[in-house]
Amino acid sequence: MDRSKIVAIVTGAIAVVLSLAYLVVVQLLDMRGEMVPAPIGWIPLMNAIVQVLVH
């Protein structure tokens, strides 16, 4: 086999492995459930804590 063919095959194999790994990671992240935003009620409390720590 020619060197350029071996490089092409190895590069293609790496691309396939990376794409499959990406799909697995996306599926694992998707199984965690619905993305719920942080509760808004904590924002004033955090502002008060920061003000106490700064002063």
PDB file of N, CA and C in Angstrom:
ATOM      1  N   MET A   1       0.827  -1.184   0.000  1.00  0.00           N
ATOM      2  CA  MET A   1       0.000   0.000   0.000  1.00  0.00           C
ATOM      3  C   MET A   1       0.870   1.245   0.000  1.00  0.00           C
ATOM      4  N   ASP A   2       0.357   2.251  -0.630  1.00  0.00           N
ATOM      5  CA  ASP A   2       1.063   3.525  -0.694  1.00  0.00           C
ATOM      6  C   ASP A   2       0.935   4.261   0.645  1.00  0.00           C
ATOM      7  N   ARG A   3       1.930   5.059   0.978  1.00  0.00           N
ATOM      8  CA  ARG A   3       1.911   5.780   2.255  1.00  0.00           C
ATOM      9  C   ARG A   3       0.723   6.716   2.351  1.00  0.00           C
ATOM     10  N   SER A   4       0.365   7.366   1.262  1.00  0.00           N
ATOM     11  CA  SER A   4      -0.756   8.315   1.303  1.00  0.00           C
ATOM     12  C   SER A   4      -2.084   7.594   1.558  1.00  0.00           C
ATOM     13  N   LYS A   5      -2.226   6.361   1.062  1.00  0.00           N
ATOM     14  CA  LYS A   5      -3.449   5.599   1.331  1.00  0.00           C
ATOM     15  C   LYS A   5      -3.529   5.212   2.811  1.00  0.00           C
ATOM     16  N   ILE A   6      -2.403   4.854   3.395  1.00  0.00           N
ATOM     17  CA  ILE A   6      -2.385   4.488   4.814  1.00  0.00           C
ATOM     18  C   ILE A   6      -2.749   5.702   5.670  1.00  0.00           C
ATOM     19  N   VAL A   7      -2.198   6.854   5.323  1.00  0.00           N
ATOM     20  CA  VAL A   7      -2.516   8.082   6.058  1.00  0.00           C
ATOM     21  C   VAL A   7      -4.002   8.402   5.927  1.00  0.00           C
ATOM     22  N   ALA A   8      -4.555   8.231   4.733  1.00  0.00           N
ATOM     23  CA  ALA A   8      -5.974   8.506   4.516  1.00  0.00           C
ATOM     24  C   ALA A   8      -6.854   7.556   5.333  1.00  0.00           C
ATOM     25  N   ILE A   9      -6.494   6.290   5.381  1.00  0.00           N
ATOM     26  CA  ILE A   9      -7.279   5.309   6.135  1.00  0.00           C
ATOM     27  C   ILE A   9      -7.206   5.603   7.630  1.00  0.00           C
ATOM     28  N   VAL A  10      -6.016   5.894   8.130  1.00  0.00           N
ATOM     29  CA  VAL A  10      -5.854   6.204   9.553  1.00  0.00           C
ATOM     30  C   VAL A  10      -6.620   7.478   9.904  1.00  0.00           C
ATOM     31  N   THR A  11      -6.526   8.495   9.070  1.00  0.00           N
ATOM     32  CA  THR A  11      -7.246   9.744   9.313  1.00  0.00           C
ATOM     33  C   THR A  11      -8.749   9.511   9.311  1.00  0.00           C
ATOM     34  N   GLY A  12      -9.245   8.716   8.373  1.00  0.00           N
ATOM     35  CA  GLY A  12     -10.674   8.396   8.325  1.00  0.00           C
ATOM     36  C   GLY A  12     -11.118   7.629   9.555  1.00  0.00           C
ATOM     37  N   ALA A  13     -10.301   6.686  10.012  1.00  0.00           N
ATOM     38  CA  ALA A  13     -10.641   5.908  11.199  1.00  0.00           C
ATOM     39  C   ALA A  13     -10.697   6.816  12.435  1.00  0.00           C
ATOM     40  N   ILE A  14      -9.746   7.731  12.541  1.00  0.00           N
ATOM     41  CA  ILE A  14      -9.755   8.666  13.668  1.00  0.00           C
ATOM     42  C   ILE A  14     -11.006   9.541  13.616  1.00  0.00           C
ATOM     43  N   ALA A  15     -11.387   9.989  12.432  1.00  0.00           N
ATOM     44  CA  ALA A  15     -12.580  10.823  12.291  1.00  0.00           C
ATOM     45  C   ALA A  15     -13.830  10.056  12.706  1.00  0.00           C
ATOM     46  N   VAL A  16     -13.924   8.792  12.323  1.00  0.00           N
ATOM     47  CA  VAL A  16     -15.087   7.983  12.692  1.00  0.00           C
ATOM     48  C   VAL A  16     -15.132   7.773  14.201  1.00  0.00           C
ATOM     49  N   VAL A  17     -14.005   7.482  14.817  1.00  0.00           N
ATOM     50  CA  VAL A  17     -13.957   7.276  16.265  1.00  0.00           C
ATOM     51  C   VAL A  17     -14.353   8.549  17.002  1.00  0.00           C
ATOM     52  N   LEU A  18     -13.841   9.691  16.565  1.00  0.00           N
ATOM     53  CA  LEU A  18     -14.186  10.952  17.212  1.00  0.00           C
ATOM     54  C   LEU A  18     -15.664  11.279  17.051  1.00  0.00           C
ATOM     55  N   SER A  19     -16.215  11.012  15.881  1.00  0.00           N
ATOM     56  CA  SER A  19     -17.635  11.308  15.675  1.00  0.00           C
ATOM     57  C   SER A  19     -18.518  10.401  16.523  1.00  0.00           C
ATOM     58  N   LEU A  20     -18.159   9.140  16.646  1.00  0.00           N
ATOM     59  CA  LEU A  20     -18.928   8.225  17.498  1.00  0.00           C
ATOM     60  C   LEU A  20     -18.815   8.616  18.970  1.00  0.00           C
ATOM     61  N   ALA A  21     -17.622   9.027  19.396  1.00  0.00           N
ATOM     62  CA  ALA A  21     -17.444   9.475  20.780  1.00  0.00           C
ATOM     63  C   ALA A  21     -18.283  10.717  21.043  1.00  0.00           C
ATOM     64  N   TYR A  22     -18.353  11.624  20.074  1.00  0.00           N
ATOM     65  CA  TYR A  22     -19.176  12.826  20.225  1.00  0.00           C
ATOM     66  C   TYR A  22     -20.645  12.454  20.371  1.00  0.00           C
ATOM     67  N   LEU A  23     -21.119  11.527  19.558  1.00  0.00           N
ATOM     68  CA  LEU A  23     -22.508  11.103  19.650  1.00  0.00           C
ATOM     69  C   LEU A  23     -22.812  10.472  21.006  1.00  0.00           C
ATOM     70  N   VAL A  24     -21.884   9.696  21.540  1.00  0.00           N
ATOM     71  CA  VAL A  24     -22.078   9.078  22.854  1.00  0.00           C
ATOM     72  C   VAL A  24     -22.149  10.151  23.943  1.00  0.00           C
ATOM     73  N   VAL A  25     -21.262  11.133  23.873  1.00  0.00           N
ATOM     74  CA  VAL A  25     -21.271  12.204  24.874  1.00  0.00           C
ATOM     75  C   VAL A  25     -22.575  12.996  24.801  1.00  0.00           C
ATOM     76  N   VAL A  26     -23.042  13.291  23.594  1.00  0.00           N
ATOM     77  CA  VAL A  26     -24.299  14.026  23.448  1.00  0.00           C
ATOM     78  C   VAL A  26     -25.460  13.214  24.010  1.00  0.00           C
ATOM     79  N   GLN A  27     -25.484  11.930  23.768  1.00  0.00           N
ATOM     80  CA  GLN A  27     -26.558  11.090  24.298  1.00  0.00           C
ATOM     81  C   GLN A  27     -26.516  11.048  25.828  1.00  0.00           C
ATOM     82  N   LEU A  28     -25.322  10.949  26.393  1.00  0.00           N
ATOM     83  CA  LEU A  28     -25.200  10.934  27.853  1.00  0.00           C
ATOM     84  C   LEU A  28     -25.665  12.250  28.466  1.00  0.00           C
ATOM     85  N   LEU A  29     -25.304  13.361  27.836  1.00  0.00           N
ATOM     86  CA  LEU A  29     -25.746  14.653  28.345  1.00  0.00           C
ATOM     87  C   LEU A  29     -27.246  14.831  28.172  1.00  0.00           C
ATOM     88  N   ASP A  30     -27.791  14.275  27.120  1.00  0.00           N
ATOM     89  CA  ASP A  30     -29.223  14.403  26.861  1.00  0.00           C
ATOM     90  C   ASP A  30     -30.043  13.570  27.841  1.00  0.00           C
ATOM     91  N   MET A  31     -29.484  12.489  28.353  1.00  0.00           N
ATOM     92  CA  MET A  31     -30.210  11.619  29.286  1.00  0.00           C
ATOM     93  C   MET A  31     -30.356  12.248  30.669  1.00  0.00           C
ATOM     94  N   ARG A  32     -29.636  13.330  30.935  1.00  0.00           N
ATOM     95  CA  ARG A  32     -29.701  13.946  32.256  1.00  0.00           C
ATOM     96  C   ARG A  32     -31.057  14.561  32.533  1.00  0.00           C
ATOM     97  N   GLY A  33     -31.816  14.840  31.506  1.00  0.00           N
ATOM     98  CA  GLY A  33     -33.152  15.394  31.708  1.00  0.00           C
ATOM     99  C   GLY A  33     -33.261  16.811  31.196  1.00  0.00           C
ATOM    100  N   GLU A  34     -34.379  17.408  31.525  1.00  0.00           N
ATOM    101  CA  GLU A  34     -34.667  18.756  31.052  1.00  0.00           C
ATOM    102  C   GLU A  34     -33.743  19.771  31.713  1.00  0.00           C
ATOM    103  N   MET A  35     -33.313  20.743  30.919  1.00  0.00           N
ATOM    104  CA  MET A  35     -32.476  21.811  31.464  1.00  0.00           C
ATOM    105  C   MET A  35     -33.369  22.820  32.168  1.00  0.00           C
ATOM    106  N   VAL A  36     -33.178  22.959  33.464  1.00  0.00           N
ATOM    107  CA  VAL A  36     -33.987  23.860  34.272  1.00  0.00           C
ATOM    108  C   VAL A  36     -33.117  25.038  34.676  1.00  0.00           C
ATOM    109  N   PRO A  37     -33.571  26.272  34.431  1.00  0.00           N
ATOM    110  CA  PRO A  37     -32.752  27.426  34.818  1.00  0.00           C
ATOM    111  C   PRO A  37     -32.648  27.549  36.340  1.00  0.00           C
ATOM    112  N   ALA A  38     -31.634  28.261  36.767  1.00  0.00           N
ATOM    113  CA  ALA A  38     -31.426  28.474  38.197  1.00  0.00           C
ATOM    114  C   ALA A  38     -32.589  29.268  38.772  1.00  0.00           C
ATOM    115  N   PRO A  39     -32.950  29.012  40.012  1.00  0.00           N
ATOM    116  CA  PRO A  39     -34.058  29.754  40.620  1.00  0.00           C
ATOM    117  C   PRO A  39     -33.706  31.234  40.772  1.00  0.00           C
ATOM    118  N   ILE A  40     -34.642  32.080  40.424  1.00  0.00           N
ATOM    119  CA  ILE A  40     -34.409  33.521  40.465  1.00  0.00           C
ATOM    120  C   ILE A  40     -34.396  34.026  41.903  1.00  0.00           C
ATOM    121  N   GLY A  41     -35.044  33.351  42.812  1.00  0.00           N
ATOM    122  CA  GLY A  41     -35.123  33.781  44.199  1.00  0.00           C
ATOM    123  C   GLY A  41     -33.775  33.877  44.887  1.00  0.00           C
ATOM    124  N   TRP A  42     -32.754  33.224  44.381  1.00  0.00           N
ATOM    125  CA  TRP A  42     -31.437  33.244  45.007  1.00  0.00           C
ATOM    126  C   TRP A  42     -30.653  34.505  44.670  1.00  0.00           C
ATOM    127  N   ILE A  43     -31.023  35.230  43.634  1.00  0.00           N
ATOM    128  CA  ILE A  43     -30.231  36.373  43.181  1.00  0.00           C
ATOM    129  C   ILE A  43     -30.150  37.473  44.247  1.00  0.00           C
ATOM    130  N   PRO A  44     -31.257  37.924  44.861  1.00  0.00           N
ATOM    131  CA  PRO A  44     -31.120  38.955  45.913  1.00  0.00           C
ATOM    132  C   PRO A  44     -30.287  38.474  47.102  1.00  0.00           C
ATOM    133  N   LEU A  45     -30.424  37.210  47.468  1.00  0.00           N
ATOM    134  CA  LEU A  45     -29.644  36.672  48.575  1.00  0.00           C
ATOM    135  C   LEU A  45     -28.160  36.697  48.251  1.00  0.00           C
ATOM    136  N   MET A  46     -27.818  36.319  47.026  1.00  0.00           N
ATOM    137  CA  MET A  46     -26.411  36.327  46.636  1.00  0.00           C
ATOM    138  C   MET A  46     -25.860  37.744  46.592  1.00  0.00           C
ATOM    139  N   ASN A  47     -26.678  38.695  46.136  1.00  0.00           N
ATOM    140  CA  ASN A  47     -26.238  40.099  46.141  1.00  0.00           C
ATOM    141  C   ASN A  47     -25.964  40.575  47.567  1.00  0.00           C
ATOM    142  N   ALA A  48     -26.821  40.196  48.520  1.00  0.00           N
ATOM    143  CA  ALA A  48     -26.616  40.595  49.905  1.00  0.00           C
ATOM    144  C   ALA A  48     -25.346  39.973  50.473  1.00  0.00           C
ATOM    145  N   ILE A  49     -25.090  38.715  50.146  1.00  0.00           N
ATOM    146  CA  ILE A  49     -23.880  38.043  50.631  1.00  0.00           C
ATOM    147  C   ILE A  49     -22.638  38.719  50.062  1.00  0.00           C
ATOM    148  N   VAL A  50     -22.676  39.061  48.803  1.00  0.00           N
ATOM    149  CA  VAL A  50     -21.523  39.729  48.171  1.00  0.00           C
ATOM    150  C   VAL A  50     -21.287  41.088  48.807  1.00  0.00           C
ATOM    151  N   GLN A  51     -22.359  41.836  49.085  1.00  0.00           N
ATOM    152  CA  GLN A  51     -22.212  43.145  49.704  1.00  0.00           C
ATOM    153  C   GLN A  51     -21.592  43.037  51.100  1.00  0.00           C
ATOM    154  N   VAL A  52     -21.983  42.015  51.846  1.00  0.00           N
ATOM    155  CA  VAL A  52     -21.415  41.824  53.197  1.00  0.00           C
ATOM    156  C   VAL A  52     -19.939  41.442  53.102  1.00  0.00           C
ATOM    157  N   LEU A  53     -19.597  40.601  52.173  1.00  0.00           N
ATOM    158  CA  LEU A  53     -18.208  40.164  52.027  1.00  0.00           C
ATOM    159  C   LEU A  53     -17.300  41.273  51.518  1.00  0.00           C
ATOM    160  N   VAL A  54     -17.825  42.139  50.668  1.00  0.00           N
ATOM    161  CA  VAL A  54     -17.013  43.208  50.094  1.00  0.00           C
ATOM    162  C   VAL A  54     -16.720  44.291  51.124  1.00  0.00           C
ATOM    163  N   HIS A  55     -17.670  44.563  51.994  1.00  0.00           N
ATOM    164  CA  HIS A  55     -17.505  45.659  52.972  1.00  0.00           C
ATOM    165  C   HIS A  55     -17.089  45.167  54.291  1.00  0.00           C
TER     166      HIS A  55
END
